[in-house]
Protein backbone atom coordinates (compact mmCIF):
# COMPACT_ATOMS: atom_id res chain seq x y z
CA MET A 1 26.39 18.14 -4.86
CA GLN A 2 29.12 18.80 -2.31
CA SER A 3 31.18 15.87 -1.18
CA VAL A 4 31.29 15.48 2.58
CA ARG A 5 34.41 13.35 2.57
CA SER A 6 36.59 11.47 0.14
CA LEU A 7 38.28 8.11 0.52
CA THR A 8 41.39 6.77 -1.19
CA GLY A 9 41.62 3.12 -2.15
CA VAL A 10 42.97 0.57 -4.59
CA VAL A 11 40.86 -0.92 -7.38
CA VAL A 12 40.72 -4.64 -6.71
CA SER A 13 38.33 -5.76 -9.42
CA ALA A 14 37.44 -3.98 -12.66
CA GLY A 15 35.72 -5.01 -15.89
CA LEU A 16 33.56 -7.74 -14.35
CA MET A 17 30.48 -5.58 -13.67
CA MET A 18 29.02 -2.91 -15.93
CA LYS A 19 30.14 0.57 -14.79
CA THR A 20 31.08 -0.79 -11.35
CA VAL A 21 34.44 -1.56 -9.76
CA LYS A 22 35.46 -2.96 -6.37
CA VAL A 23 37.73 -0.69 -4.35
CA ARG A 24 39.58 -1.71 -1.16
CA VAL A 25 39.63 1.07 1.44
CA ALA A 26 41.52 1.01 4.75
CA ARG A 27 39.35 1.56 7.84
CA ARG A 28 40.72 2.23 11.31
CA ILE A 29 38.98 0.15 13.97
CA TRP A 30 39.41 0.61 17.74
CA ASP A 31 39.94 -2.59 19.69
CA SER A 32 38.83 -1.86 23.24
CA HIS A 33 40.42 -5.02 24.64
CA ILE A 34 43.98 -4.25 23.57
CA ARG A 35 43.24 -0.50 23.48
CA LYS A 36 44.73 0.04 20.05
CA HIS A 37 43.63 1.10 16.57
CA TYR A 38 44.22 -1.38 13.79
CA ILE A 39 43.55 -1.22 10.06
CA LYS A 40 40.76 -3.34 8.66
CA PRO A 41 40.42 -3.40 4.85
CA GLU A 42 36.90 -2.94 3.51
CA ASN A 43 35.75 -3.54 -0.06
CA LEU A 44 33.27 -1.05 -1.54
CA LEU A 45 31.45 -1.24 -4.84
CA VAL A 46 31.97 2.05 -6.67
CA HIS A 47 30.23 3.52 -9.73
CA ASP A 48 32.63 4.06 -12.66
CA PRO A 49 30.44 5.79 -15.29
CA ARG A 50 32.87 5.60 -18.23
CA ALA A 51 34.68 2.33 -17.36
CA SER A 52 38.01 4.14 -17.13
CA LEU A 53 39.53 2.16 -14.24
CA ILE A 54 41.85 -0.86 -14.29
CA ALA A 55 42.64 -3.21 -11.39
CA GLY A 56 45.58 -1.76 -9.47
CA ASP A 57 44.69 1.93 -9.89
CA ILE A 58 44.74 4.11 -6.80
CA VAL A 59 41.57 6.22 -6.84
CA THR A 60 39.71 8.81 -4.82
CA ILE A 61 36.03 8.06 -4.23
CA SER A 62 33.24 9.98 -2.58
CA PRO A 63 29.82 8.98 -1.34
CA GLY A 64 27.14 9.80 -3.86
CA TRP A 65 23.52 8.90 -4.39
CA ARG A 66 22.61 5.27 -4.26
CA ARG A 67 23.04 3.55 -7.66
CA SER A 68 21.86 0.10 -6.63
CA LYS A 69 21.49 -1.99 -3.51
CA TRP A 70 25.25 -2.15 -2.89
CA VAL A 71 26.73 0.74 -4.93
CA HIS A 72 26.79 3.97 -2.87
CA HIS A 73 30.05 5.65 -3.96
CA VAL A 74 31.32 7.26 -7.17
CA VAL A 75 34.85 7.68 -8.55
CA THR A 76 36.15 11.24 -8.16
CA SER A 77 39.64 10.95 -9.64
CA ILE A 78 42.50 8.62 -10.48
CA VAL A 79 45.43 9.33 -8.15
CA THR A 80 47.95 6.84 -9.59
CA PRO A 81 47.19 4.83 -12.74
CA PHE A 82 48.30 1.23 -13.15
CA GLY A 83 49.15 0.01 -16.65
CA LYS A 84 47.73 2.37 -19.28
CA PRO A 85 48.37 6.08 -18.72
CA ILE A 86 45.42 8.35 -17.91
CA SER A 87 45.66 10.07 -21.32
CA GLU A 88 44.71 6.81 -23.09
CA ARG A 89 41.60 6.22 -20.95
CA PRO A 90 38.17 7.84 -21.00
CA PRO A 91 38.14 10.80 -18.60
CA VAL A 92 36.52 10.45 -15.18
CA PRO A 93 33.50 12.80 -15.05
CA THR A 94 33.35 15.48 -12.38
CA LEU A 95 30.62 15.52 -9.74
CA GLU A 96 28.96 18.48 -11.51
CA GLU A 97 28.80 16.53 -14.80
CA LEU A 98 27.31 13.53 -13.00
CA GLU A 99 24.70 15.71 -11.28
CA LYS A 100 23.77 17.39 -14.58
CA ALA A 101 23.41 14.01 -16.34
CA ARG A 102 21.26 12.72 -13.49
CA GLU A 103 18.94 15.75 -13.66
CA GLU A 104 18.62 15.43 -17.46
CA LYS A 105 17.76 11.73 -17.15
CA ARG A 106 15.15 12.52 -14.49
CA ALA A 107 13.63 15.29 -16.67
CA ARG A 108 13.34 12.89 -19.64
CA LYS A 109 11.65 10.33 -17.41
CA LEU A 110 9.10 12.88 -16.17
CA GLU A 111 8.39 13.97 -19.78
CA ARG A 112 7.72 10.35 -20.78
CA LYS A 113 5.47 9.91 -17.77
CA GLU A 114 3.55 13.12 -18.59
CA ALA A 115 3.06 11.96 -22.18
CA ARG A 116 1.88 8.53 -21.08
CA HIS A 117 -0.62 9.93 -18.56
CA SER A 118 -1.95 12.66 -20.86
CA SER A 119 -2.54 10.20 -23.72
CA SER A 120 -4.40 7.71 -21.50
CA GLY A 121 -6.56 10.38 -19.83
CA GLU A 122 -5.28 9.69 -16.31
CA THR A 123 -4.05 12.19 -13.76
CA SER A 124 -0.93 14.23 -14.49
CA ALA A 125 2.47 13.28 -13.07
CA ASP A 126 2.28 16.06 -10.47
CA GLU A 127 -1.08 14.83 -9.23
CA ALA A 128 0.16 11.24 -9.22
CA PHE A 129 3.15 12.22 -7.05
CA ASP A 130 0.82 13.97 -4.58
CA GLN A 131 -1.23 10.82 -3.98
CA PRO A 132 0.34 8.06 -1.89
CA GLN A 133 0.94 4.76 -3.65
CA GLY A 134 -1.98 2.39 -3.47
CA ALA A 135 -4.44 5.20 -2.67
CA LYS A 136 -7.84 4.69 -4.26
CA GLN A 137 -10.02 7.51 -5.45
CA ALA A 138 -13.47 7.83 -3.93
CA PRO A 139 -16.35 6.83 -6.22
CA SER A 140 -18.20 9.66 -7.89
CA LYS A 141 -21.69 10.68 -6.72
CA SER A 142 -23.24 9.30 -9.89
CA GLN A 143 -21.70 5.88 -9.23
CA LYS A 144 -23.80 3.64 -7.00
CA THR A 145 -21.79 1.33 -4.74
CA THR A 146 -23.24 -1.91 -3.47
CA ARG A 147 -22.04 -4.67 -1.19
CA ILE A 148 -22.62 -8.34 -1.99
CA ASP A 149 -23.22 -10.54 1.02
CA LEU A 150 -21.43 -13.83 0.34
CA ASP A 151 -23.79 -15.86 2.55
CA THR A 152 -27.06 -14.82 0.91
CA GLU A 153 -25.58 -13.55 -2.40
CA GLN A 154 -27.82 -10.47 -2.28
CA ALA A 155 -26.69 -6.96 -3.23
CA LYS A 156 -27.11 -4.33 -0.54
CA PRO A 157 -26.42 -0.59 -0.94
CA ILE A 158 -23.59 0.79 1.18
CA ILE A 159 -24.52 3.46 3.71
CA ALA A 160 -21.73 6.02 4.19
CA GLY A 161 -19.68 5.19 7.29
CA ASN A 162 -21.18 1.71 7.61
CA GLU A 163 -18.66 -0.51 5.80
CA SER A 164 -18.31 -3.43 8.20
CA GLY A 165 -17.93 -7.07 7.29
CA SER A 166 -14.58 -8.39 6.09
CA ASP A 167 -16.09 -11.32 4.16
CA ASP A 168 -18.11 -9.12 1.82
CA LEU A 169 -17.06 -7.94 -1.62
CA LEU A 170 -17.45 -4.41 -2.95
CA ARG A 171 -18.82 -4.00 -6.44
CA SER A 172 -19.48 -0.76 -8.31
CA VAL A 173 -22.59 -0.82 -10.47
């Protein structure tokens, strides 16, 4: 995964969220009325996989894959530590290590899904990914499908292409 850009900021809050820190980054905003750029600080939630940051550290972050609803960046390096030296902290993983860990986690998830589907007799994971969510399989030829009319409570066979009536229920017999 190649980083498009990197940002430098100060860790404002650390240790309050699991593997997440708040970093303040300076943004330049153009004010068209006074025709001047000014700096507007922006707080970003950043993924810190090994909890190696302390409030006050100056760090480099880069946009990564989305971790949660608000966490979209990952720590790349510690520029200037605050408090404990870097040698006494867990190392910050590189982007290649993070990508490798993500792929391994995804592979384990697919293996579990394959095992679950093969033991229950359902479709394989590849076939499940091909079908859109909520898609229903067509009934087999041996299965007779009938429609129950709610007004008369009588079962009527369904003719292919003639499935009108929103107040009726489908029942497979």
